[in-house]
């Protein structure tokens, strides 16, 4: 294995393992951390996880969140693994408004805050700002996720207030 090129390990092997194992692999070498954090790796990993044997079902019930593998042959789902919410929330408080490649845009119903959340890594980012951007108003707002031309994940939030439409775009980047 000493002669195996890093690109082969990263793009032919690590793109086929679970997201949790990719996260663990980031701490092996600094070079792996950089390669596994690149958007081209994320894109290949996501495309390989789209095969039916990798499908998962996320269930949010009251204060709990669980992930189940989907068994297509029996139209059923398998045993669950519990996912802990990494943010403060209340009973029956979290609603999913959009999703893309494992990322979720969720709303905390008691505060109307929008968050971008990765249930696999438990990383999240609050999209709400003090000037009230990022606060979701039920039945008036719409939210969607997309990938821009620079391969950055973006949240599109269209707000309707007093007959005026406001369009806000939030980035997955830390300070954007």
N, C-alpha and C. Protein backbone atom coordinates (compact mmCIF):
# COMPACT_ATOMS: atom_id res chain seq x y z
N UNK A 1 0.82 -1.20 0.00
CA UNK A 1 0.00 0.00 0.00
C UNK A 1 0.86 1.26 0.00
N UNK A 2 2.16 1.13 0.33
CA UNK A 2 3.03 2.28 0.39
C UNK A 2 3.14 2.97 -0.97
N UNK A 3 3.01 2.20 -2.06
CA UNK A 3 3.14 2.78 -3.38
C UNK A 3 1.84 3.27 -3.98
N UNK A 4 0.74 3.17 -3.26
CA UNK A 4 -0.56 3.58 -3.78
C UNK A 4 -0.67 5.11 -3.75
N UNK A 5 -0.94 5.75 -4.88
CA UNK A 5 -1.04 7.22 -4.91
C UNK A 5 -2.20 7.73 -4.05
N UNK A 6 -1.98 8.89 -3.46
CA UNK A 6 -2.99 9.50 -2.60
C UNK A 6 -4.30 9.73 -3.35
N UNK A 7 -4.21 10.19 -4.61
CA UNK A 7 -5.43 10.42 -5.39
C UNK A 7 -6.25 9.15 -5.55
N UNK A 8 -5.58 8.01 -5.72
CA UNK A 8 -6.29 6.74 -5.84
C UNK A 8 -7.00 6.40 -4.54
N UNK A 9 -6.31 6.59 -3.43
CA UNK A 9 -6.92 6.32 -2.12
C UNK A 9 -8.13 7.22 -1.91
N UNK A 10 -7.96 8.49 -2.19
CA UNK A 10 -9.03 9.45 -1.92
C UNK A 10 -10.20 9.28 -2.87
N UNK A 11 -9.95 9.25 -4.18
CA UNK A 11 -11.05 9.29 -5.15
C UNK A 11 -11.61 7.91 -5.51
N UNK A 12 -10.85 6.85 -5.32
CA UNK A 12 -11.37 5.52 -5.66
C UNK A 12 -11.83 4.74 -4.44
N UNK A 13 -11.30 5.07 -3.29
CA UNK A 13 -11.68 4.32 -2.08
C UNK A 13 -12.55 5.16 -1.16
N UNK A 14 -12.05 6.33 -0.77
CA UNK A 14 -12.77 7.12 0.23
C UNK A 14 -14.08 7.73 -0.29
N UNK A 15 -14.25 7.83 -1.60
CA UNK A 15 -15.54 8.32 -2.12
C UNK A 15 -16.61 7.24 -1.99
N UNK A 16 -16.23 6.03 -1.61
CA UNK A 16 -17.18 4.92 -1.50
C UNK A 16 -17.53 4.57 -0.05
N UNK A 17 -16.92 5.22 0.90
CA UNK A 17 -17.20 4.92 2.31
C UNK A 17 -18.27 5.87 2.84
N UNK A 18 -18.77 5.60 4.02
CA UNK A 18 -19.82 6.43 4.61
C UNK A 18 -19.28 7.83 4.94
N UNK A 19 -20.18 8.75 5.05
CA UNK A 19 -19.80 10.13 5.39
C UNK A 19 -19.12 10.18 6.74
N UNK A 20 -19.60 9.37 7.66
CA UNK A 20 -18.99 9.33 9.00
C UNK A 20 -17.52 8.89 8.89
N UNK A 21 -17.24 7.87 8.05
CA UNK A 21 -15.86 7.41 7.87
C UNK A 21 -15.00 8.45 7.15
N UNK A 22 -15.61 9.21 6.26
CA UNK A 22 -14.87 10.31 5.61
C UNK A 22 -14.44 11.31 6.67
N UNK A 23 -15.36 11.65 7.57
CA UNK A 23 -15.03 12.57 8.66
C UNK A 23 -13.90 12.06 9.53
N UNK A 24 -13.92 10.78 9.82
CA UNK A 24 -12.84 10.17 10.61
C UNK A 24 -11.52 10.20 9.85
N UNK A 25 -11.59 10.00 8.52
CA UNK A 25 -10.38 9.96 7.70
C UNK A 25 -9.71 11.32 7.59
N UNK A 26 -10.46 12.39 7.83
CA UNK A 26 -9.87 13.73 7.73
C UNK A 26 -8.76 13.96 8.75
N UNK A 27 -8.76 13.20 9.83
CA UNK A 27 -7.75 13.43 10.87
C UNK A 27 -6.50 12.56 10.67
N UNK A 28 -6.46 11.75 9.62
CA UNK A 28 -5.31 10.87 9.39
C UNK A 28 -4.09 11.68 8.96
N UNK A 29 -4.23 12.48 7.92
CA UNK A 29 -3.14 13.32 7.41
C UNK A 29 -3.69 14.69 7.07
N UNK A 30 -2.85 15.71 7.18
CA UNK A 30 -3.27 17.05 6.78
C UNK A 30 -3.64 17.08 5.30
N UNK A 31 -2.89 16.35 4.48
CA UNK A 31 -3.16 16.30 3.05
C UNK A 31 -4.54 15.69 2.78
N UNK A 32 -4.91 14.64 3.53
CA UNK A 32 -6.23 14.04 3.37
C UNK A 32 -7.31 15.02 3.78
N UNK A 33 -7.07 15.77 4.86
CA UNK A 33 -8.06 16.76 5.31
C UNK A 33 -8.36 17.74 4.18
N UNK A 34 -7.30 18.24 3.56
CA UNK A 34 -7.47 19.21 2.47
C UNK A 34 -8.21 18.58 1.29
N UNK A 35 -7.83 17.37 0.90
CA UNK A 35 -8.46 16.70 -0.24
C UNK A 35 -9.92 16.33 0.05
N UNK A 36 -10.19 15.85 1.25
CA UNK A 36 -11.55 15.43 1.59
C UNK A 36 -12.48 16.62 1.83
N UNK A 37 -11.95 17.81 1.96
CA UNK A 37 -12.76 19.01 2.15
C UNK A 37 -13.06 19.73 0.85
N UNK A 38 -12.44 19.31 -0.24
CA UNK A 38 -12.64 19.97 -1.54
C UNK A 38 -14.01 19.65 -2.11
N UNK A 39 -14.56 20.61 -2.85
CA UNK A 39 -15.89 20.43 -3.43
C UNK A 39 -15.93 19.31 -4.46
N UNK A 40 -14.84 19.09 -5.20
CA UNK A 40 -14.88 18.01 -6.19
C UNK A 40 -14.97 16.65 -5.50
N UNK A 41 -14.33 16.49 -4.33
CA UNK A 41 -14.49 15.24 -3.58
C UNK A 41 -15.92 15.10 -3.09
N UNK A 42 -16.47 16.17 -2.53
CA UNK A 42 -17.85 16.13 -2.02
C UNK A 42 -18.82 15.75 -3.13
N UNK A 43 -18.62 16.32 -4.32
CA UNK A 43 -19.51 16.03 -5.45
C UNK A 43 -19.45 14.55 -5.83
N UNK A 44 -18.22 13.99 -5.93
CA UNK A 44 -18.07 12.58 -6.30
C UNK A 44 -18.65 11.69 -5.20
N UNK A 45 -18.38 12.03 -3.94
CA UNK A 45 -18.90 11.23 -2.82
C UNK A 45 -20.42 11.24 -2.81
N UNK A 46 -21.02 12.39 -3.04
CA UNK A 46 -22.49 12.48 -3.08
C UNK A 46 -23.07 11.68 -4.24
N UNK A 47 -22.43 11.74 -5.40
CA UNK A 47 -22.97 11.01 -6.55
C UNK A 47 -22.88 9.50 -6.32
N UNK A 48 -21.86 9.05 -5.63
CA UNK A 48 -21.75 7.62 -5.34
C UNK A 48 -22.70 7.20 -4.23
N UNK A 49 -23.08 8.11 -3.38
CA UNK A 49 -24.01 7.76 -2.30
C UNK A 49 -25.46 7.78 -2.78
N UNK A 50 -25.70 8.18 -4.04
CA UNK A 50 -27.05 8.21 -4.57
C UNK A 50 -27.56 6.84 -5.00
N UNK A 51 -26.69 5.82 -5.00
CA UNK A 51 -27.17 4.49 -5.37
C UNK A 51 -28.15 3.99 -4.31
N UNK A 52 -29.10 3.17 -4.71
CA UNK A 52 -30.22 2.82 -3.85
C UNK A 52 -29.82 2.15 -2.54
N UNK A 53 -28.71 1.43 -2.51
CA UNK A 53 -28.31 0.77 -1.27
C UNK A 53 -27.86 1.76 -0.20
N UNK A 54 -27.62 3.01 -0.58
CA UNK A 54 -27.16 4.01 0.38
C UNK A 54 -28.27 4.97 0.82
N UNK A 55 -29.49 4.74 0.42
CA UNK A 55 -30.58 5.65 0.77
C UNK A 55 -30.91 5.55 2.25
N UNK A 56 -31.20 6.69 2.83
CA UNK A 56 -31.53 6.76 4.25
C UNK A 56 -32.80 7.60 4.42
N UNK A 57 -33.51 7.31 5.49
CA UNK A 57 -34.71 8.04 5.83
C UNK A 57 -34.49 8.74 7.16
N UNK A 58 -34.71 10.05 7.21
CA UNK A 58 -34.55 10.82 8.43
C UNK A 58 -35.93 11.07 9.01
N UNK A 59 -36.14 10.64 10.25
CA UNK A 59 -37.42 10.85 10.93
C UNK A 59 -37.22 11.79 12.10
N UNK A 60 -38.02 12.83 12.15
CA UNK A 60 -37.99 13.76 13.28
C UNK A 60 -39.31 13.61 14.00
N UNK A 61 -39.22 13.24 15.28
CA UNK A 61 -40.42 12.99 16.08
C UNK A 61 -40.23 13.65 17.44
N UNK A 62 -41.00 14.67 17.71
CA UNK A 62 -40.94 15.39 18.98
C UNK A 62 -39.52 15.89 19.24
N UNK A 63 -38.81 15.31 20.21
CA UNK A 63 -37.45 15.76 20.53
C UNK A 63 -36.37 14.87 19.93
N UNK A 64 -36.78 13.78 19.26
CA UNK A 64 -35.80 12.82 18.76
C UNK A 64 -35.66 12.91 17.25
N UNK A 65 -34.52 12.46 16.76
CA UNK A 65 -34.26 12.40 15.33
C UNK A 65 -33.54 11.09 15.09
N UNK A 66 -33.99 10.32 14.09
CA UNK A 66 -33.36 9.04 13.82
C UNK A 66 -33.19 8.85 12.32
N UNK A 67 -32.17 8.08 11.96
CA UNK A 67 -31.87 7.78 10.57
C UNK A 67 -32.03 6.28 10.36
N UNK A 68 -32.77 5.90 9.31
CA UNK A 68 -33.04 4.50 9.00
C UNK A 68 -32.56 4.19 7.59
N UNK A 69 -31.88 3.04 7.38
CA UNK A 69 -31.60 2.62 6.01
C UNK A 69 -32.89 2.14 5.36
N UNK A 70 -33.08 2.46 4.10
CA UNK A 70 -34.28 2.05 3.38
C UNK A 70 -34.01 0.71 2.71
N UNK A 71 -34.92 -0.24 2.89
CA UNK A 71 -34.81 -1.55 2.27
C UNK A 71 -35.82 -1.59 1.12
N UNK A 72 -35.33 -1.43 -0.11
CA UNK A 72 -36.21 -1.28 -1.27
C UNK A 72 -36.95 -2.57 -1.62
N UNK A 73 -36.33 -3.73 -1.36
CA UNK A 73 -36.97 -4.99 -1.72
C UNK A 73 -38.29 -5.18 -0.96
N UNK A 74 -38.35 -4.75 0.28
CA UNK A 74 -39.55 -4.97 1.09
C UNK A 74 -40.33 -3.68 1.33
N UNK A 75 -39.92 -2.57 0.70
CA UNK A 75 -40.57 -1.28 0.93
C UNK A 75 -40.66 -0.96 2.41
N UNK A 76 -39.58 -1.19 3.11
CA UNK A 76 -39.53 -1.00 4.55
C UNK A 76 -38.24 -0.24 4.88
N UNK A 77 -38.03 0.03 6.14
CA UNK A 77 -36.75 0.60 6.54
C UNK A 77 -36.19 -0.17 7.72
N UNK A 78 -34.88 -0.15 7.82
CA UNK A 78 -34.17 -0.96 8.81
C UNK A 78 -34.02 -0.28 10.15
N UNK A 79 -33.21 -0.89 11.02
CA UNK A 79 -33.01 -0.34 12.37
C UNK A 79 -32.40 1.05 12.32
N UNK A 80 -32.78 1.84 13.28
CA UNK A 80 -32.39 3.25 13.26
C UNK A 80 -31.11 3.51 14.05
N UNK A 81 -30.51 4.64 13.73
CA UNK A 81 -29.46 5.20 14.57
C UNK A 81 -29.92 6.60 14.96
N UNK A 82 -29.72 6.94 16.20
CA UNK A 82 -30.20 8.22 16.73
C UNK A 82 -29.23 9.33 16.34
N UNK A 83 -29.79 10.45 15.92
CA UNK A 83 -29.02 11.65 15.61
C UNK A 83 -29.40 12.71 16.64
N UNK A 84 -28.40 13.28 17.27
CA UNK A 84 -28.68 14.31 18.26
C UNK A 84 -28.71 15.67 17.59
N UNK A 85 -29.68 16.48 17.96
CA UNK A 85 -29.72 17.85 17.44
C UNK A 85 -28.58 18.63 18.09
N UNK A 86 -27.73 19.29 17.32
CA UNK A 86 -26.61 20.03 17.91
C UNK A 86 -27.00 21.45 18.31
N UNK A 87 -28.26 21.80 18.14
CA UNK A 87 -28.72 23.15 18.46
C UNK A 87 -29.89 23.05 19.45
N UNK A 88 -30.11 24.12 20.19
CA UNK A 88 -31.21 24.15 21.15
C UNK A 88 -32.54 24.17 20.41
N UNK A 89 -33.49 23.39 20.90
CA UNK A 89 -34.80 23.33 20.29
C UNK A 89 -35.82 22.91 21.36
N UNK A 90 -37.08 23.02 21.02
CA UNK A 90 -38.15 22.65 21.94
C UNK A 90 -38.91 21.46 21.38
N UNK A 91 -39.86 20.97 22.15
CA UNK A 91 -40.70 19.85 21.76
C UNK A 91 -41.38 20.14 20.42
N UNK A 92 -41.27 19.21 19.48
CA UNK A 92 -41.94 19.31 18.18
C UNK A 92 -41.62 20.63 17.47
N UNK A 93 -40.34 21.01 17.48
CA UNK A 93 -39.94 22.36 17.08
C UNK A 93 -39.24 22.45 15.73
N UNK A 94 -38.66 21.35 15.23
CA UNK A 94 -37.81 21.41 14.05
C UNK A 94 -38.61 20.97 12.82
N UNK A 95 -38.61 21.81 11.79
CA UNK A 95 -39.25 21.42 10.52
C UNK A 95 -38.24 21.59 9.39
N UNK A 96 -38.26 20.63 8.46
CA UNK A 96 -37.35 20.64 7.32
C UNK A 96 -38.02 21.40 6.18
N UNK A 97 -37.33 22.40 5.63
CA UNK A 97 -37.89 23.19 4.54
C UNK A 97 -37.23 22.93 3.19
N UNK A 98 -36.00 22.40 3.21
CA UNK A 98 -35.32 22.09 1.97
C UNK A 98 -34.16 21.14 2.26
N UNK A 99 -33.73 20.40 1.24
CA UNK A 99 -32.59 19.50 1.41
C UNK A 99 -31.85 19.34 0.08
N UNK A 100 -30.56 19.06 0.19
CA UNK A 100 -29.73 18.83 -0.99
C UNK A 100 -28.45 18.11 -0.56
N UNK A 101 -28.18 16.95 -1.15
CA UNK A 101 -26.95 16.20 -0.89
C UNK A 101 -26.66 16.01 0.60
N UNK A 102 -27.66 15.73 1.37
CA UNK A 102 -27.48 15.46 2.80
C UNK A 102 -27.55 16.69 3.68
N UNK A 103 -27.51 17.89 3.11
CA UNK A 103 -27.67 19.11 3.89
C UNK A 103 -29.16 19.42 4.02
N UNK A 104 -29.55 19.93 5.18
CA UNK A 104 -30.94 20.29 5.41
C UNK A 104 -31.04 21.76 5.79
N UNK A 105 -32.05 22.43 5.27
CA UNK A 105 -32.39 23.76 5.75
C UNK A 105 -33.60 23.56 6.66
N UNK A 106 -33.41 23.82 7.94
CA UNK A 106 -34.47 23.60 8.92
C UNK A 106 -34.89 24.91 9.56
N UNK A 107 -36.10 24.90 10.09
CA UNK A 107 -36.62 26.06 10.79
C UNK A 107 -36.96 25.65 12.22
N UNK A 108 -36.54 26.47 13.18
CA UNK A 108 -36.95 26.27 14.57
C UNK A 108 -38.27 27.02 14.73
N UNK A 109 -39.35 26.27 14.91
CA UNK A 109 -40.68 26.85 14.86
C UNK A 109 -40.97 27.85 15.98
N UNK A 110 -40.31 27.72 17.12
CA UNK A 110 -40.59 28.67 18.22
C UNK A 110 -39.87 30.01 18.05
N UNK A 111 -38.80 30.06 17.25
CA UNK A 111 -38.08 31.32 17.04
C UNK A 111 -38.11 31.78 15.58
N UNK A 112 -38.55 30.89 14.67
CA UNK A 112 -38.58 31.14 13.22
C UNK A 112 -37.19 31.28 12.62
N UNK A 113 -36.17 30.80 13.33
CA UNK A 113 -34.81 30.86 12.81
C UNK A 113 -34.59 29.78 11.76
N UNK A 114 -33.82 30.12 10.74
CA UNK A 114 -33.40 29.15 9.73
C UNK A 114 -31.99 28.69 10.05
N UNK A 115 -31.75 27.39 9.87
CA UNK A 115 -30.43 26.82 10.08
C UNK A 115 -30.09 25.91 8.91
N UNK A 116 -28.83 25.89 8.53
CA UNK A 116 -28.32 24.93 7.56
C UNK A 116 -27.63 23.85 8.38
N UNK A 117 -28.08 22.58 8.25
CA UNK A 117 -27.64 21.52 9.15
C UNK A 117 -27.24 20.27 8.37
N UNK A 118 -26.11 19.69 8.75
CA UNK A 118 -25.67 18.41 8.21
C UNK A 118 -25.86 17.37 9.32
N UNK A 119 -26.91 16.55 9.25
CA UNK A 119 -27.16 15.58 10.32
C UNK A 119 -26.05 14.54 10.48
N UNK A 120 -25.31 14.26 9.42
CA UNK A 120 -24.25 13.25 9.50
C UNK A 120 -23.08 13.76 10.34
N UNK A 121 -22.67 14.99 10.10
CA UNK A 121 -21.53 15.54 10.84
C UNK A 121 -21.97 16.34 12.06
N UNK A 122 -23.24 16.64 12.18
CA UNK A 122 -23.88 17.49 13.20
C UNK A 122 -23.47 18.96 13.10
N UNK A 123 -22.74 19.33 12.06
CA UNK A 123 -22.37 20.74 11.88
C UNK A 123 -23.62 21.51 11.45
N UNK A 124 -23.73 22.75 11.91
CA UNK A 124 -24.85 23.59 11.51
C UNK A 124 -24.42 25.05 11.49
N UNK A 125 -25.19 25.84 10.78
CA UNK A 125 -24.94 27.28 10.70
C UNK A 125 -26.28 28.00 10.82
N UNK A 126 -26.34 28.97 11.72
CA UNK A 126 -27.54 29.80 11.84
C UNK A 126 -27.54 30.81 10.69
N UNK A 127 -28.67 30.91 10.01
CA UNK A 127 -28.77 31.84 8.90
C UNK A 127 -29.40 33.16 9.33
N UNK A 128 -30.01 33.19 10.49
CA UNK A 128 -30.70 34.39 10.95
C UNK A 128 -29.71 35.45 11.40
N UNK A 129 -30.06 36.70 11.15
CA UNK A 129 -29.22 37.83 11.52
C UNK A 129 -30.02 38.81 12.37
N UNK A 130 -29.36 39.69 13.11
CA UNK A 130 -30.08 40.65 13.97
C UNK A 130 -31.05 41.55 13.19
N UNK A 131 -30.80 41.79 11.89
CA UNK A 131 -31.70 42.65 11.13
C UNK A 131 -32.88 41.86 10.55
N UNK A 132 -33.18 40.73 11.16
CA UNK A 132 -34.33 39.87 10.87
C UNK A 132 -34.24 39.09 9.57
N UNK A 133 -33.12 39.13 8.87
CA UNK A 133 -32.96 38.26 7.72
C UNK A 133 -32.77 36.84 8.23
N UNK A 134 -33.32 35.89 7.55
CA UNK A 134 -33.17 34.50 7.94
C UNK A 134 -34.24 34.01 8.87
N UNK A 135 -35.18 34.86 9.21
CA UNK A 135 -36.31 34.42 10.02
C UNK A 135 -37.43 34.03 9.07
N UNK A 136 -37.94 32.84 9.26
CA UNK A 136 -38.91 32.25 8.34
C UNK A 136 -40.33 32.55 8.81
N UNK A 137 -41.15 33.04 7.92
CA UNK A 137 -42.56 33.29 8.25
C UNK A 137 -43.40 32.28 7.48
N UNK A 138 -44.04 31.40 8.22
CA UNK A 138 -44.83 30.32 7.62
C UNK A 138 -45.90 30.87 6.69
N UNK A 139 -46.11 30.22 5.56
CA UNK A 139 -47.10 30.57 4.55
C UNK A 139 -46.77 31.83 3.75
N UNK A 140 -45.70 32.52 4.08
CA UNK A 140 -45.31 33.71 3.32
C UNK A 140 -43.93 33.56 2.66
N UNK A 141 -43.09 32.72 3.22
CA UNK A 141 -41.71 32.58 2.75
C UNK A 141 -41.52 31.24 2.05
N UNK A 142 -40.46 31.17 1.25
CA UNK A 142 -40.06 29.91 0.62
C UNK A 142 -38.54 29.82 0.68
N UNK A 143 -38.04 28.58 0.85
CA UNK A 143 -36.61 28.34 1.00
C UNK A 143 -36.19 27.21 0.06
N UNK A 144 -35.02 27.34 -0.56
CA UNK A 144 -34.47 26.27 -1.40
C UNK A 144 -32.96 26.24 -1.31
N UNK A 145 -32.37 25.10 -1.60
CA UNK A 145 -30.92 24.93 -1.61
C UNK A 145 -30.44 24.70 -3.03
N UNK A 146 -29.26 25.20 -3.36
CA UNK A 146 -28.66 24.96 -4.66
C UNK A 146 -27.15 25.06 -4.55
N UNK A 147 -26.46 24.59 -5.57
CA UNK A 147 -25.00 24.69 -5.65
C UNK A 147 -24.68 25.71 -6.73
N UNK A 148 -23.86 26.72 -6.39
CA UNK A 148 -23.54 27.77 -7.37
C UNK A 148 -22.39 27.33 -8.28
N UNK A 149 -21.98 28.21 -9.17
CA UNK A 149 -20.94 27.88 -10.16
C UNK A 149 -19.57 27.64 -9.52
N UNK A 150 -19.37 28.12 -8.29
CA UNK A 150 -18.12 27.88 -7.57
C UNK A 150 -18.20 26.65 -6.67
N UNK A 151 -19.26 25.84 -6.85
CA UNK A 151 -19.49 24.62 -6.05
C UNK A 151 -19.70 24.91 -4.57
N UNK A 152 -20.27 26.06 -4.26
CA UNK A 152 -20.62 26.38 -2.88
C UNK A 152 -22.12 26.16 -2.71
N UNK A 153 -22.50 25.57 -1.60
CA UNK A 153 -23.91 25.39 -1.30
C UNK A 153 -24.51 26.71 -0.85
N UNK A 154 -25.66 27.05 -1.42
CA UNK A 154 -26.34 28.30 -1.10
C UNK A 154 -27.77 28.02 -0.67
N UNK A 155 -28.30 28.88 0.18
CA UNK A 155 -29.69 28.83 0.58
C UNK A 155 -30.36 30.07 -0.01
N UNK A 156 -31.41 29.85 -0.78
CA UNK A 156 -32.21 30.94 -1.35
C UNK A 156 -33.45 31.09 -0.48
N UNK A 157 -33.64 32.28 0.07
CA UNK A 157 -34.78 32.57 0.96
C UNK A 157 -35.55 33.73 0.35
N UNK A 158 -36.78 33.46 -0.06
CA UNK A 158 -37.64 34.50 -0.61
C UNK A 158 -38.68 34.84 0.44
N UNK A 159 -38.67 36.11 0.86
CA UNK A 159 -39.58 36.60 1.90
C UNK A 159 -40.66 37.48 1.28
N UNK A 160 -41.85 37.34 1.80
CA UNK A 160 -42.96 38.18 1.37
C UNK A 160 -43.43 38.96 2.59
N UNK A 161 -43.28 40.28 2.54
CA UNK A 161 -43.66 41.11 3.69
C UNK A 161 -44.31 42.38 3.19
N UNK A 162 -45.52 42.60 3.60
CA UNK A 162 -46.28 43.82 3.24
C UNK A 162 -46.34 44.01 1.72
N UNK A 163 -46.54 42.93 0.98
CA UNK A 163 -46.66 43.02 -0.47
C UNK A 163 -45.35 43.18 -1.21
N UNK A 164 -44.23 43.12 -0.49
CA UNK A 164 -42.92 43.29 -1.12
C UNK A 164 -42.14 41.98 -0.99
N UNK A 165 -41.52 41.57 -2.09
CA UNK A 165 -40.68 40.38 -2.06
C UNK A 165 -39.24 40.75 -1.77
N UNK A 166 -38.62 40.02 -0.87
CA UNK A 166 -37.20 40.17 -0.59
C UNK A 166 -36.51 38.87 -0.89
N UNK A 167 -35.37 38.91 -1.55
CA UNK A 167 -34.63 37.71 -1.89
C UNK A 167 -33.28 37.77 -1.18
N UNK A 168 -32.99 36.71 -0.43
CA UNK A 168 -31.75 36.64 0.33
C UNK A 168 -31.04 35.34 -0.02
N UNK A 169 -29.73 35.40 -0.16
CA UNK A 169 -28.92 34.22 -0.46
C UNK A 169 -27.89 34.08 0.65
N UNK A 170 -27.86 32.91 1.27
CA UNK A 170 -26.93 32.62 2.33
C UNK A 170 -25.96 31.56 1.84
N UNK A 171 -24.71 31.66 2.25
CA UNK A 171 -23.68 30.73 1.82
C UNK A 171 -23.38 29.73 2.93
N UNK A 172 -22.89 28.58 2.54
CA UNK A 172 -22.47 27.57 3.50
C UNK A 172 -21.17 28.01 4.16
N UNK A 173 -20.44 28.90 3.51
CA UNK A 173 -19.18 29.38 4.07
C UNK A 173 -19.43 30.01 5.42
N UNK A 174 -18.44 29.94 6.30
CA UNK A 174 -18.59 30.33 7.69
C UNK A 174 -19.03 31.77 7.87
N UNK A 175 -18.40 32.71 7.21
CA UNK A 175 -18.71 34.12 7.45
C UNK A 175 -19.50 34.76 6.31
N UNK A 176 -20.12 33.98 5.49
CA UNK A 176 -20.86 34.56 4.35
C UNK A 176 -22.33 34.71 4.69
